[in-house]
Amino acid sequence: MMNQEDFRKYQTEKELQACGLSAESINAIRSTTVITRDGMQHVVPESQAHLDETNSSSVSEATLTQQVLDVSKMFSRFKQFADKRIADLEKAVSQLQAQVKENQQELLTLKSNHHARSQTPSNLEEAYAQEATHEKTMEIRSSPKRQSSSTKGIDRNNISPDQVQVEKIFYSGTR
């Protein structure tokens, strides 16, 4: 049989449902308590009932246990969040390290290419100029006084079609 207090709670619950509150909202209200603090009444969770000035001397063991559990849950959530952030940061750092290593390799390649380009053209030009003068002197020595049209130089460098070689046109880096 219902006592007076249970009946009052039941009626209050029905009135709250009639006002449109859900069962979860009603349970949340049920888990609160009213305390007096600094001469004023406050609605707080039951875990903070020990803050009531009228009943401050009787802090129950259950209340302290509940507080410890609440703090433990909060710490657990904080730890999970912190661990996730640390894992994300570690992943991002490793990706950045890989990207930095890749950029260093590219930079070394570009420096090497630049160094090779800066030295190669002058050496190639000198080598081609020496080879051209050597070929001309050899040609002049070995050729008769009159040159045929195919051995006669026809371009501005005085090179004839029979002197043209693919190796001279396309440098392959073996010299």
N, C-alpha and C. Protein backbone atom coordinates (compact mmCIF):
# COMPACT_ATOMS: atom_id res chain seq x y z
N MET A 1 0.83 -1.17 0.00
CA MET A 1 0.00 0.00 0.00
C MET A 1 0.89 1.25 0.00
N MET A 2 0.41 2.30 -0.63
CA MET A 2 1.17 3.53 -0.76
C MET A 2 1.00 4.41 0.47
N ASN A 3 2.14 4.91 0.92
CA ASN A 3 2.05 5.86 2.03
C ASN A 3 1.86 7.27 1.46
N GLN A 4 1.73 8.22 2.33
CA GLN A 4 1.42 9.60 1.95
C GLN A 4 2.54 10.18 1.06
N GLU A 5 3.79 9.93 1.42
CA GLU A 5 4.94 10.47 0.67
C GLU A 5 4.99 9.88 -0.73
N ASP A 6 4.82 8.56 -0.87
CA ASP A 6 4.84 7.92 -2.19
C ASP A 6 3.71 8.43 -3.07
N PHE A 7 2.52 8.61 -2.48
CA PHE A 7 1.39 9.11 -3.24
C PHE A 7 1.65 10.53 -3.75
N ARG A 8 2.26 11.36 -2.92
CA ARG A 8 2.59 12.72 -3.31
C ARG A 8 3.60 12.71 -4.46
N LYS A 9 4.61 11.84 -4.40
CA LYS A 9 5.61 11.72 -5.47
C LYS A 9 4.95 11.25 -6.77
N TYR A 10 4.03 10.32 -6.65
CA TYR A 10 3.33 9.79 -7.82
C TYR A 10 2.51 10.89 -8.49
N GLN A 11 1.80 11.68 -7.71
CA GLN A 11 1.00 12.77 -8.26
C GLN A 11 1.89 13.83 -8.91
N THR A 12 2.99 14.13 -8.28
CA THR A 12 3.93 15.11 -8.84
C THR A 12 4.47 14.62 -10.17
N GLU A 13 4.79 13.33 -10.25
CA GLU A 13 5.31 12.75 -11.48
C GLU A 13 4.28 12.84 -12.59
N LYS A 14 3.02 12.55 -12.29
CA LYS A 14 1.95 12.62 -13.29
C LYS A 14 1.74 14.06 -13.76
N GLU A 15 1.83 15.01 -12.85
CA GLU A 15 1.69 16.42 -13.23
C GLU A 15 2.83 16.86 -14.14
N LEU A 16 4.05 16.40 -13.85
CA LEU A 16 5.19 16.74 -14.70
C LEU A 16 5.04 16.13 -16.09
N GLN A 17 4.55 14.89 -16.16
CA GLN A 17 4.33 14.25 -17.46
C GLN A 17 3.25 15.00 -18.24
N ALA A 18 2.23 15.47 -17.55
CA ALA A 18 1.16 16.23 -18.20
C ALA A 18 1.69 17.55 -18.75
N CYS A 19 2.74 18.10 -18.12
CA CYS A 19 3.36 19.34 -18.60
C CYS A 19 4.28 19.10 -19.80
N GLY A 20 4.51 17.84 -20.16
CA GLY A 20 5.33 17.53 -21.33
C GLY A 20 6.74 17.10 -21.03
N LEU A 21 7.09 16.87 -19.79
CA LEU A 21 8.44 16.42 -19.44
C LEU A 21 8.57 14.92 -19.72
N SER A 22 9.73 14.53 -20.20
CA SER A 22 9.98 13.12 -20.48
C SER A 22 10.38 12.40 -19.19
N ALA A 23 10.42 11.07 -19.29
CA ALA A 23 10.79 10.27 -18.13
C ALA A 23 12.23 10.57 -17.70
N GLU A 24 13.11 10.84 -18.67
CA GLU A 24 14.51 11.17 -18.34
C GLU A 24 14.59 12.47 -17.56
N SER A 25 13.78 13.45 -17.97
CA SER A 25 13.78 14.74 -17.26
C SER A 25 13.26 14.56 -15.84
N ILE A 26 12.24 13.74 -15.69
CA ILE A 26 11.68 13.50 -14.37
C ILE A 26 12.69 12.79 -13.48
N ASN A 27 13.43 11.82 -14.05
CA ASN A 27 14.49 11.13 -13.29
C ASN A 27 15.60 12.10 -12.90
N ALA A 28 15.92 13.04 -13.78
CA ALA A 28 16.95 14.03 -13.46
C ALA A 28 16.49 14.92 -12.31
N ILE A 29 15.22 15.27 -12.33
CA ILE A 29 14.68 16.08 -11.22
C ILE A 29 14.68 15.28 -9.93
N ARG A 30 14.35 13.99 -10.05
CA ARG A 30 14.31 13.12 -8.87
C ARG A 30 15.69 12.99 -8.23
N SER A 31 16.75 13.09 -9.04
CA SER A 31 18.10 12.90 -8.50
C SER A 31 18.68 14.18 -7.91
N THR A 32 17.86 15.19 -7.73
CA THR A 32 18.33 16.44 -7.12
C THR A 32 17.82 16.55 -5.70
N THR A 33 18.38 17.49 -5.00
CA THR A 33 17.96 17.76 -3.63
C THR A 33 18.04 19.27 -3.38
N VAL A 34 17.37 19.73 -2.38
CA VAL A 34 17.37 21.15 -2.04
C VAL A 34 18.22 21.32 -0.79
N ILE A 35 19.17 22.25 -0.88
CA ILE A 35 20.02 22.53 0.28
C ILE A 35 19.89 24.01 0.63
N THR A 36 20.25 24.31 1.85
CA THR A 36 20.27 25.70 2.30
C THR A 36 21.72 26.11 2.43
N ARG A 37 22.06 27.19 1.72
CA ARG A 37 23.45 27.66 1.72
C ARG A 37 23.40 29.18 1.77
N ASP A 38 24.11 29.76 2.67
CA ASP A 38 24.14 31.22 2.84
C ASP A 38 22.73 31.80 3.01
N GLY A 39 21.87 31.07 3.67
CA GLY A 39 20.52 31.53 3.94
C GLY A 39 19.56 31.40 2.77
N MET A 40 20.02 30.79 1.67
CA MET A 40 19.17 30.63 0.49
C MET A 40 19.07 29.15 0.14
N GLN A 41 17.96 28.76 -0.50
CA GLN A 41 17.79 27.37 -0.90
C GLN A 41 18.30 27.21 -2.33
N HIS A 42 18.97 26.08 -2.59
CA HIS A 42 19.54 25.77 -3.90
C HIS A 42 19.16 24.35 -4.28
N VAL A 43 18.89 24.13 -5.57
CA VAL A 43 18.64 22.78 -6.07
C VAL A 43 19.96 22.27 -6.65
N VAL A 44 20.45 21.16 -6.11
CA VAL A 44 21.74 20.60 -6.50
C VAL A 44 21.59 19.09 -6.66
N PRO A 45 22.54 18.43 -7.35
CA PRO A 45 22.52 16.96 -7.41
C PRO A 45 22.67 16.38 -6.01
N GLU A 46 22.15 15.19 -5.83
CA GLU A 46 22.22 14.56 -4.51
C GLU A 46 23.66 14.37 -4.04
N SER A 47 24.59 14.26 -4.99
CA SER A 47 26.00 14.09 -4.61
C SER A 47 26.54 15.32 -3.89
N GLN A 48 25.84 16.45 -3.98
CA GLN A 48 26.29 17.67 -3.31
C GLN A 48 25.43 18.01 -2.10
N ALA A 49 24.68 17.04 -1.62
CA ALA A 49 23.81 17.26 -0.45
C ALA A 49 24.62 17.60 0.79
N HIS A 50 25.86 17.20 0.83
CA HIS A 50 26.70 17.48 2.00
C HIS A 50 26.99 18.97 2.18
N LEU A 51 26.69 19.77 1.15
CA LEU A 51 26.94 21.21 1.24
C LEU A 51 25.84 21.95 2.01
N ASP A 52 24.80 21.24 2.41
CA ASP A 52 23.70 21.84 3.15
C ASP A 52 24.20 22.31 4.51
N GLU A 53 24.02 23.58 4.80
CA GLU A 53 24.49 24.14 6.06
C GLU A 53 23.70 23.62 7.25
N THR A 54 22.45 23.27 7.03
CA THR A 54 21.64 22.78 8.14
C THR A 54 22.04 21.37 8.54
N ASN A 55 22.68 20.64 7.63
CA ASN A 55 23.02 19.25 7.90
C ASN A 55 24.51 19.00 7.63
N SER A 56 25.34 20.01 7.81
CA SER A 56 26.75 19.90 7.44
C SER A 56 27.55 19.00 8.35
N SER A 57 27.10 18.79 9.54
CA SER A 57 27.89 17.97 10.46
C SER A 57 27.71 16.48 10.20
N SER A 58 26.69 16.10 9.46
CA SER A 58 26.45 14.68 9.25
C SER A 58 26.70 14.29 7.80
N VAL A 59 27.96 14.36 7.37
CA VAL A 59 28.33 13.94 6.02
C VAL A 59 28.39 12.42 6.02
N SER A 60 27.57 11.83 5.21
CA SER A 60 27.50 10.37 5.23
C SER A 60 28.60 9.76 4.37
N GLU A 61 28.89 8.54 4.69
CA GLU A 61 29.91 7.80 3.95
C GLU A 61 29.46 7.56 2.52
N ALA A 62 28.18 7.35 2.31
CA ALA A 62 27.65 7.13 0.96
C ALA A 62 27.85 8.36 0.08
N THR A 63 27.69 9.52 0.66
CA THR A 63 27.88 10.75 -0.10
C THR A 63 29.34 10.90 -0.54
N LEU A 64 30.23 10.62 0.39
CA LEU A 64 31.66 10.69 0.04
C LEU A 64 32.03 9.65 -1.01
N THR A 65 31.48 8.47 -0.87
CA THR A 65 31.73 7.41 -1.86
C THR A 65 31.23 7.85 -3.23
N GLN A 66 30.05 8.45 -3.27
CA GLN A 66 29.49 8.93 -4.53
C GLN A 66 30.38 10.01 -5.14
N GLN A 67 30.90 10.89 -4.32
CA GLN A 67 31.78 11.94 -4.81
C GLN A 67 33.05 11.35 -5.39
N VAL A 68 33.61 10.37 -4.71
CA VAL A 68 34.82 9.72 -5.22
C VAL A 68 34.53 9.05 -6.56
N LEU A 69 33.38 8.39 -6.69
CA LEU A 69 33.02 7.76 -7.96
C LEU A 69 32.84 8.80 -9.07
N ASP A 70 32.21 9.92 -8.73
CA ASP A 70 32.03 10.98 -9.72
C ASP A 70 33.37 11.53 -10.20
N VAL A 71 34.26 11.78 -9.26
CA VAL A 71 35.58 12.29 -9.62
C VAL A 71 36.34 11.25 -10.44
N SER A 72 36.20 9.99 -10.08
CA SER A 72 36.86 8.92 -10.81
C SER A 72 36.35 8.86 -12.25
N LYS A 73 35.05 8.98 -12.45
CA LYS A 73 34.48 8.97 -13.80
C LYS A 73 34.96 10.17 -14.61
N MET A 74 34.99 11.34 -13.97
CA MET A 74 35.47 12.53 -14.66
C MET A 74 36.94 12.38 -15.07
N PHE A 75 37.74 11.83 -14.15
CA PHE A 75 39.15 11.63 -14.47
C PHE A 75 39.31 10.62 -15.60
N SER A 76 38.52 9.57 -15.57
CA SER A 76 38.58 8.55 -16.63
C SER A 76 38.25 9.16 -17.99
N ARG A 77 37.20 9.98 -18.05
CA ARG A 77 36.86 10.65 -19.31
C ARG A 77 37.97 11.59 -19.75
N PHE A 78 38.53 12.33 -18.80
CA PHE A 78 39.62 13.24 -19.12
C PHE A 78 40.82 12.47 -19.66
N LYS A 79 41.15 11.35 -19.02
CA LYS A 79 42.29 10.54 -19.44
C LYS A 79 42.08 9.99 -20.85
N GLN A 80 40.87 9.50 -21.14
CA GLN A 80 40.58 8.98 -22.48
C GLN A 80 40.73 10.09 -23.52
N PHE A 81 40.20 11.26 -23.19
CA PHE A 81 40.30 12.40 -24.11
C PHE A 81 41.76 12.79 -24.33
N ALA A 82 42.52 12.86 -23.25
CA ALA A 82 43.94 13.23 -23.35
C ALA A 82 44.72 12.18 -24.14
N ASP A 83 44.45 10.89 -23.89
CA ASP A 83 45.13 9.83 -24.63
C ASP A 83 44.83 9.91 -26.12
N LYS A 84 43.59 10.21 -26.47
CA LYS A 84 43.22 10.34 -27.88
C LYS A 84 43.96 11.52 -28.51
N ARG A 85 44.00 12.64 -27.81
CA ARG A 85 44.70 13.80 -28.35
C ARG A 85 46.20 13.52 -28.52
N ILE A 86 46.79 12.82 -27.55
CA ILE A 86 48.21 12.48 -27.65
C ILE A 86 48.45 11.57 -28.85
N ALA A 87 47.58 10.58 -29.03
CA ALA A 87 47.73 9.67 -30.17
C ALA A 87 47.60 10.44 -31.49
N ASP A 88 46.65 11.36 -31.57
CA ASP A 88 46.49 12.17 -32.77
C ASP A 88 47.72 13.03 -33.02
N LEU A 89 48.28 13.60 -31.95
CA LEU A 89 49.48 14.42 -32.09
C LEU A 89 50.68 13.58 -32.54
N GLU A 90 50.81 12.38 -31.98
CA GLU A 90 51.91 11.50 -32.39
C GLU A 90 51.80 11.16 -33.87
N LYS A 91 50.59 10.89 -34.32
CA LYS A 91 50.38 10.57 -35.73
C LYS A 91 50.74 11.76 -36.61
N ALA A 92 50.29 12.94 -36.21
CA ALA A 92 50.58 14.15 -36.98
C ALA A 92 52.08 14.43 -37.02
N VAL A 93 52.77 14.23 -35.90
CA VAL A 93 54.22 14.47 -35.84
C VAL A 93 54.95 13.49 -36.75
N SER A 94 54.54 12.22 -36.74
CA SER A 94 55.21 11.25 -37.61
C SER A 94 54.99 11.57 -39.08
N GLN A 95 53.78 12.04 -39.42
CA GLN A 95 53.52 12.44 -40.80
C GLN A 95 54.38 13.65 -41.18
N LEU A 96 54.50 14.60 -40.27
CA LEU A 96 55.33 15.77 -40.54
C LEU A 96 56.80 15.39 -40.68
N GLN A 97 57.26 14.46 -39.86
CA GLN A 97 58.65 14.02 -39.97
C GLN A 97 58.90 13.37 -41.32
N ALA A 98 57.96 12.55 -41.78
CA ALA A 98 58.10 11.91 -43.09
C ALA A 98 58.13 12.96 -44.20
N GLN A 99 57.27 13.97 -44.07
CA GLN A 99 57.23 15.03 -45.07
C GLN A 99 58.52 15.85 -45.05
N VAL A 100 59.05 16.13 -43.87
CA VAL A 100 60.32 16.87 -43.77
C VAL A 100 61.45 16.06 -44.41
N LYS A 101 61.48 14.76 -44.14
CA LYS A 101 62.52 13.91 -44.73
C LYS A 101 62.42 13.93 -46.25
N GLU A 102 61.18 13.86 -46.76
CA GLU A 102 60.97 13.89 -48.21
C GLU A 102 61.41 15.23 -48.79
N ASN A 103 61.09 16.32 -48.10
CA ASN A 103 61.50 17.64 -48.56
C ASN A 103 63.01 17.80 -48.54
N GLN A 104 63.68 17.21 -47.54
CA GLN A 104 65.15 17.27 -47.49
C GLN A 104 65.75 16.54 -48.68
N GLN A 105 65.17 15.38 -49.02
CA GLN A 105 65.68 14.64 -50.18
C GLN A 105 65.49 15.45 -51.47
N GLU A 106 64.32 16.08 -51.61
CA GLU A 106 64.08 16.91 -52.78
C GLU A 106 65.08 18.07 -52.84
N LEU A 107 65.33 18.68 -51.69
CA LEU A 107 66.26 19.80 -51.64
C LEU A 107 67.67 19.35 -52.02
N LEU A 108 68.09 18.20 -51.51
CA LEU A 108 69.42 17.69 -51.87
C LEU A 108 69.49 17.40 -53.37
N THR A 109 68.43 16.85 -53.93
CA THR A 109 68.40 16.57 -55.37
C THR A 109 68.48 17.87 -56.17
N LEU A 110 67.70 18.88 -55.74
CA LEU A 110 67.73 20.16 -56.44
C LEU A 110 69.10 20.82 -56.35
N LYS A 111 69.74 20.75 -55.18
CA LYS A 111 71.09 21.32 -55.02
C LYS A 111 72.08 20.60 -55.93
N SER A 112 71.97 19.27 -55.96
CA SER A 112 72.87 18.49 -56.80
C SER A 112 72.66 18.84 -58.28
N ASN A 113 71.40 18.93 -58.69
CA ASN A 113 71.12 19.29 -60.08
C ASN A 113 71.63 20.69 -60.41
N HIS A 114 71.42 21.62 -59.50
CA HIS A 114 71.89 22.99 -59.72
C HIS A 114 73.41 23.03 -59.82
N HIS A 115 74.05 22.27 -58.93
CA HIS A 115 75.52 22.23 -58.95
C HIS A 115 76.02 21.63 -60.26
N ALA A 116 75.34 20.56 -60.70
CA ALA A 116 75.75 19.92 -61.96
C ALA A 116 75.51 20.85 -63.14
N ARG A 117 74.40 21.58 -63.13
CA ARG A 117 74.11 22.50 -64.24
C ARG A 117 75.08 23.67 -64.26
N SER A 118 75.44 24.15 -63.09
CA SER A 118 76.31 25.32 -63.04
C SER A 118 77.72 25.00 -63.52
N GLN A 119 78.15 23.77 -63.38
CA GLN A 119 79.51 23.42 -63.81
C GLN A 119 79.53 22.81 -65.20
N THR A 120 78.52 22.10 -65.58
CA THR A 120 78.52 21.35 -66.83
C THR A 120 78.54 22.23 -68.07
N PRO A 121 77.74 23.26 -68.19
CA PRO A 121 77.73 24.01 -69.46
C PRO A 121 79.09 24.58 -69.84
N SER A 122 79.81 25.14 -68.91
CA SER A 122 81.12 25.70 -69.28
C SER A 122 82.07 24.59 -69.69
N ASN A 123 82.06 23.49 -68.98
CA ASN A 123 82.93 22.37 -69.33
C ASN A 123 82.53 21.79 -70.68
N LEU A 124 81.24 21.66 -70.90
CA LEU A 124 80.79 21.14 -72.19
C LEU A 124 81.14 22.08 -73.33
N GLU A 125 80.93 23.36 -73.12
CA GLU A 125 81.25 24.32 -74.17
C GLU A 125 82.74 24.27 -74.50
N GLU A 126 83.56 24.20 -73.47
CA GLU A 126 85.01 24.12 -73.71
C GLU A 126 85.36 22.83 -74.44
N ALA A 127 84.74 21.73 -74.00
CA ALA A 127 85.03 20.44 -74.64
C ALA A 127 84.58 20.45 -76.10
N TYR A 128 83.37 20.98 -76.35
CA TYR A 128 82.89 21.05 -77.74
C TYR A 128 83.76 21.97 -78.59
N ALA A 129 84.16 23.09 -78.00
CA ALA A 129 85.01 24.03 -78.75
C ALA A 129 86.36 23.38 -79.08
N GLN A 130 86.93 22.69 -78.11
CA GLN A 130 88.21 22.02 -78.36
C GLN A 130 88.04 20.92 -79.40
N GLU A 131 86.98 20.17 -79.29
CA GLU A 131 86.74 19.08 -80.24
C GLU A 131 86.51 19.64 -81.65
N ALA A 132 85.76 20.72 -81.72
CA ALA A 132 85.48 21.32 -83.03
C ALA A 132 86.77 21.85 -83.66
N THR A 133 87.59 22.52 -82.90
CA THR A 133 88.86 23.02 -83.46
C THR A 133 89.78 21.87 -83.83
N HIS A 134 89.77 20.83 -82.99
CA HIS A 134 90.59 19.66 -83.31
C HIS A 134 90.12 19.02 -84.60
N GLU A 135 88.81 18.87 -84.77
CA GLU A 135 88.27 18.25 -85.99
C GLU A 135 88.56 19.12 -87.20
N LYS A 136 88.45 20.42 -87.02
CA LYS A 136 88.72 21.33 -88.15
C LYS A 136 90.18 21.24 -88.56
N THR A 137 91.06 21.22 -87.57
CA THR A 137 92.48 21.13 -87.92
C THR A 137 92.79 19.80 -88.57
N MET A 138 92.16 18.73 -88.07
CA MET A 138 92.37 17.41 -88.68
C MET A 138 91.79 17.37 -90.08
N GLU A 139 90.68 18.02 -90.26
CA GLU A 139 90.03 18.06 -91.56
C GLU A 139 90.87 18.83 -92.57
N ILE A 140 91.38 19.93 -92.10
CA ILE A 140 92.18 20.77 -92.99
C ILE A 140 93.45 20.02 -93.40
N ARG A 141 94.06 19.33 -92.48
CA ARG A 141 95.29 18.59 -92.78
C ARG A 141 95.03 17.42 -93.72
N SER A 142 93.92 16.71 -93.47
CA SER A 142 93.69 15.49 -94.24
C SER A 142 92.89 15.73 -95.52
N SER A 143 92.23 16.81 -95.66
CA SER A 143 91.37 17.00 -96.83
C SER A 143 92.16 17.66 -97.96
N PRO A 144 91.73 17.34 -99.19
CA PRO A 144 92.35 18.03 -100.32
C PRO A 144 91.95 19.51 -100.32
N LYS A 145 92.56 20.24 -101.17
CA LYS A 145 92.32 21.67 -101.21
C LYS A 145 90.86 21.99 -101.49
N ARG A 146 90.23 21.16 -102.27
CA ARG A 146 88.86 21.43 -102.62
C ARG A 146 87.96 20.48 -101.83
N GLN A 147 86.93 21.04 -101.14
CA GLN A 147 86.03 20.22 -100.33
C GLN A 147 84.76 19.94 -101.12
N SER A 148 84.21 18.74 -100.88
CA SER A 148 82.94 18.44 -101.52
C SER A 148 81.84 19.17 -100.77
N SER A 149 80.66 19.20 -101.37
CA SER A 149 79.55 19.96 -100.77
C SER A 149 79.07 19.32 -99.46
N SER A 150 79.26 17.99 -99.30
CA SER A 150 78.79 17.34 -98.07
C SER A 150 79.77 17.55 -96.92
N THR A 151 81.05 17.82 -97.17
CA THR A 151 82.00 18.04 -96.09
C THR A 151 82.26 19.52 -95.84
N LYS A 152 81.74 20.35 -96.68
CA LYS A 152 81.92 21.78 -96.51
C LYS A 152 80.99 22.27 -95.40
N GLY A 153 81.47 23.10 -94.52
CA GLY A 153 80.67 23.63 -93.42
C GLY A 153 79.52 24.47 -93.94
N ILE A 154 78.33 24.20 -93.42
CA ILE A 154 77.17 24.92 -93.94
C ILE A 154 76.45 25.76 -92.88
N ASP A 155 76.79 25.59 -91.62
CA ASP A 155 76.10 26.41 -90.61
C ASP A 155 77.06 27.44 -90.03
N ARG A 156 76.59 28.22 -89.08
CA ARG A 156 77.40 29.30 -88.54
C ARG A 156 78.62 28.83 -87.78
N ASN A 157 78.61 27.57 -87.31
CA ASN A 157 79.76 27.00 -86.61
C ASN A 157 80.69 26.29 -87.57
N ASN A 158 80.36 26.37 -88.84
CA ASN A 158 81.15 25.75 -89.90
C ASN A 158 81.23 24.23 -89.73
N ILE A 159 80.06 23.62 -89.47
CA ILE A 159 79.98 22.17 -89.33
C ILE A 159 79.22 21.63 -90.53
N SER A 160 79.75 20.58 -91.11
CA SER A 160 79.12 19.97 -92.29
C SER A 160 78.19 18.84 -91.86
N PRO A 161 77.29 18.40 -92.73
CA PRO A 161 76.34 17.34 -92.38
C PRO A 161 77.01 16.02 -91.99
N ASP A 162 78.14 15.70 -92.55
CA ASP A 162 78.78 14.43 -92.19
C ASP A 162 79.46 14.49 -90.82
N GLN A 163 79.58 15.68 -90.25
CA GLN A 163 80.17 15.83 -88.91
C GLN A 163 79.13 15.76 -87.79
N VAL A 164 77.87 15.82 -88.16
CA VAL A 164 76.82 15.84 -87.14
C VAL A 164 76.70 14.45 -86.52
N GLN A 165 76.72 14.41 -85.18
CA GLN A 165 76.60 13.15 -84.45
C GLN A 165 75.56 13.32 -83.35
N VAL A 166 74.80 12.27 -83.11
CA VAL A 166 73.74 12.31 -82.10
C VAL A 166 74.32 12.57 -80.71
N GLU A 167 75.49 12.00 -80.43
CA GLU A 167 76.11 12.18 -79.12
C GLU A 167 76.42 13.64 -78.83
N LYS A 168 76.71 14.39 -79.88
CA LYS A 168 77.02 15.81 -79.69
C LYS A 168 75.75 16.64 -79.51
N ILE A 169 74.69 16.21 -80.12
CA ILE A 169 73.42 16.97 -80.03
C ILE A 169 72.76 16.75 -78.68
N PHE A 170 72.64 15.47 -78.27
CA PHE A 170 71.99 15.13 -77.02
C PHE A 170 73.03 14.67 -76.02
N TYR A 171 73.30 15.51 -75.06
CA TYR A 171 74.29 15.18 -74.02
C TYR A 171 73.67 14.17 -73.06
N SER A 172 74.33 13.03 -72.87
CA SER A 172 73.78 12.00 -71.98
C SER A 172 74.52 11.93 -70.65
N GLY A 173 75.45 12.76 -70.40
CA GLY A 173 76.12 12.84 -69.11
C GLY A 173 77.25 11.84 -68.93
N THR A 174 77.79 11.28 -69.99
CA THR A 174 78.87 10.31 -69.87
C THR A 174 80.23 10.93 -70.11
N ARG A 175 80.29 12.16 -70.43
CA ARG A 175 81.60 12.80 -70.66
C ARG A 175 82.16 13.36 -69.42
